[in-house]
Amino acid sequence: MRPKRSAAEAENEKLRRQVERLEKELARNKAALEVMGKASALLEMISEGAD
């Protein structure tokens, strides 16, 4: 049986999981911003064409 993890090891694992979660959230947010930017450009093109 493994000895009990030290407090530092437990904190390290907690922080690793937090970083992984935040990296996924950041990737989703970047993708959303990219889509919003493309939608904005498309709407601008459409509105210019309507003039």
N, C-alpha and C. Protein backbone atom coordinates (compact mmCIF):
# COMPACT_ATOMS: atom_id res chain seq x y z
N MET A 1 0.84 -1.19 0.00
CA MET A 1 0.00 0.00 0.00
C MET A 1 0.88 1.25 0.00
N ARG A 2 0.46 2.23 -0.79
CA ARG A 2 1.22 3.48 -0.88
C ARG A 2 1.07 4.29 0.40
N PRO A 3 2.14 4.95 0.78
CA PRO A 3 1.99 5.85 1.93
C PRO A 3 1.06 7.00 1.57
N LYS A 4 0.45 7.60 2.57
CA LYS A 4 -0.47 8.73 2.35
C LYS A 4 0.26 9.86 1.63
N ARG A 5 -0.44 10.44 0.67
CA ARG A 5 0.18 11.54 -0.07
C ARG A 5 0.41 12.72 0.86
N SER A 6 1.49 13.41 0.57
CA SER A 6 1.77 14.61 1.36
C SER A 6 0.79 15.71 0.97
N ALA A 7 0.70 16.72 1.81
CA ALA A 7 -0.18 17.85 1.51
C ALA A 7 0.25 18.52 0.21
N ALA A 8 1.56 18.58 -0.02
CA ALA A 8 2.06 19.22 -1.24
C ALA A 8 1.63 18.42 -2.47
N GLU A 9 1.68 17.08 -2.39
CA GLU A 9 1.26 16.25 -3.52
C GLU A 9 -0.23 16.41 -3.78
N ALA A 10 -1.01 16.47 -2.72
CA ALA A 10 -2.45 16.63 -2.89
C ALA A 10 -2.76 18.00 -3.52
N GLU A 11 -2.08 19.03 -3.06
CA GLU A 11 -2.28 20.37 -3.62
C GLU A 11 -1.85 20.41 -5.08
N ASN A 12 -0.76 19.73 -5.39
CA ASN A 12 -0.25 19.67 -6.76
C ASN A 12 -1.29 19.03 -7.68
N GLU A 13 -1.87 17.93 -7.24
CA GLU A 13 -2.88 17.24 -8.04
C GLU A 13 -4.11 18.13 -8.22
N LYS A 14 -4.53 18.80 -7.17
CA LYS A 14 -5.68 19.70 -7.24
C LYS A 14 -5.41 20.82 -8.25
N LEU A 15 -4.22 21.39 -8.20
CA LEU A 15 -3.87 22.47 -9.12
C LEU A 15 -3.76 21.98 -10.55
N ARG A 16 -3.27 20.76 -10.74
CA ARG A 16 -3.19 20.18 -12.09
C ARG A 16 -4.59 20.04 -12.69
N ARG A 17 -5.53 19.54 -11.88
CA ARG A 17 -6.91 19.40 -12.37
C ARG A 17 -7.51 20.76 -12.68
N GLN A 18 -7.22 21.75 -11.84
CA GLN A 18 -7.74 23.10 -12.07
C GLN A 18 -7.18 23.69 -13.36
N VAL A 19 -5.89 23.51 -13.60
CA VAL A 19 -5.27 24.01 -14.83
C VAL A 19 -5.90 23.34 -16.04
N GLU A 20 -6.11 22.02 -15.96
CA GLU A 20 -6.71 21.30 -17.08
C GLU A 20 -8.11 21.84 -17.37
N ARG A 21 -8.91 22.06 -16.32
CA ARG A 21 -10.26 22.58 -16.49
C ARG A 21 -10.23 23.99 -17.10
N LEU A 22 -9.32 24.82 -16.62
CA LEU A 22 -9.25 26.19 -17.12
C LEU A 22 -8.73 26.24 -18.56
N GLU A 23 -7.84 25.32 -18.92
CA GLU A 23 -7.35 25.27 -20.30
C GLU A 23 -8.49 24.90 -21.25
N LYS A 24 -9.35 23.96 -20.83
CA LYS A 24 -10.50 23.59 -21.65
C LYS A 24 -11.46 24.77 -21.78
N GLU A 25 -11.69 25.46 -20.68
CA GLU A 25 -12.59 26.63 -20.68
C GLU A 25 -12.03 27.72 -21.59
N LEU A 26 -10.72 27.94 -21.53
CA LEU A 26 -10.08 28.95 -22.37
C LEU A 26 -10.23 28.59 -23.84
N ALA A 27 -10.04 27.31 -24.17
CA ALA A 27 -10.18 26.88 -25.57
C ALA A 27 -11.60 27.11 -26.06
N ARG A 28 -12.59 26.81 -25.21
CA ARG A 28 -14.00 27.05 -25.59
C ARG A 28 -14.25 28.54 -25.81
N ASN A 29 -13.72 29.36 -24.91
CA ASN A 29 -13.93 30.81 -25.03
C ASN A 29 -13.26 31.36 -26.28
N LYS A 30 -12.06 30.87 -26.59
CA LYS A 30 -11.38 31.32 -27.82
C LYS A 30 -12.20 30.95 -29.05
N ALA A 31 -12.75 29.73 -29.06
CA ALA A 31 -13.56 29.29 -30.19
C ALA A 31 -14.81 30.15 -30.31
N ALA A 32 -15.43 30.47 -29.18
CA ALA A 32 -16.63 31.31 -29.20
C ALA A 32 -16.31 32.70 -29.74
N LEU A 33 -15.18 33.26 -29.31
CA LEU A 33 -14.78 34.58 -29.80
C LEU A 33 -14.52 34.56 -31.30
N GLU A 34 -13.91 33.47 -31.77
CA GLU A 34 -13.64 33.34 -33.20
C GLU A 34 -14.95 33.31 -33.99
N VAL A 35 -15.92 32.54 -33.49
CA VAL A 35 -17.22 32.46 -34.16
C VAL A 35 -17.90 33.82 -34.15
N MET A 36 -17.85 34.51 -33.01
CA MET A 36 -18.48 35.83 -32.92
C MET A 36 -17.81 36.82 -33.88
N GLY A 37 -16.50 36.74 -34.00
CA GLY A 37 -15.79 37.62 -34.92
C GLY A 37 -16.19 37.36 -36.36
N LYS A 38 -16.33 36.08 -36.72
CA LYS A 38 -16.73 35.73 -38.08
C LYS A 38 -18.17 36.18 -38.35
N ALA A 39 -19.04 35.99 -37.35
CA ALA A 39 -20.43 36.41 -37.51
C ALA A 39 -20.50 37.93 -37.68
N SER A 40 -19.71 38.64 -36.90
CA SER A 40 -19.70 40.10 -37.00
C SER A 40 -19.23 40.54 -38.39
N ALA A 41 -18.18 39.91 -38.89
CA ALA A 41 -17.67 40.26 -40.22
C ALA A 41 -18.72 39.95 -41.29
N LEU A 42 -19.39 38.83 -41.13
CA LEU A 42 -20.43 38.46 -42.10
C LEU A 42 -21.58 39.46 -42.09
N LEU A 43 -22.01 39.84 -40.88
CA LEU A 43 -23.10 40.82 -40.77
C LEU A 43 -22.68 42.17 -41.37
N GLU A 44 -21.43 42.52 -41.16
CA GLU A 44 -20.93 43.78 -41.74
C GLU A 44 -20.96 43.71 -43.27
N MET A 45 -20.55 42.58 -43.82
CA MET A 45 -20.58 42.41 -45.28
C MET A 45 -22.00 42.49 -45.80
N ILE A 46 -22.94 41.85 -45.09
CA ILE A 46 -24.33 41.85 -45.51
C ILE A 46 -24.89 43.27 -45.46
N SER A 47 -24.58 44.00 -44.39
CA SER A 47 -25.12 45.35 -44.27
C SER A 47 -24.52 46.28 -45.31
N GLU A 48 -23.26 46.08 -45.69
CA GLU A 48 -22.65 46.89 -46.73
C GLU A 48 -23.28 46.60 -48.08
N GLY A 49 -23.64 45.34 -48.28
CA GLY A 49 -24.29 44.94 -49.54
C GLY A 49 -25.70 45.48 -49.65
N ALA A 50 -26.34 45.77 -48.53
CA ALA A 50 -27.72 46.25 -48.54
C ALA A 50 -27.81 47.73 -48.89
N ASP A 51 -26.69 48.42 -48.82
CA ASP A 51 -26.69 49.87 -49.11
C ASP A 51 -26.94 50.17 -50.57
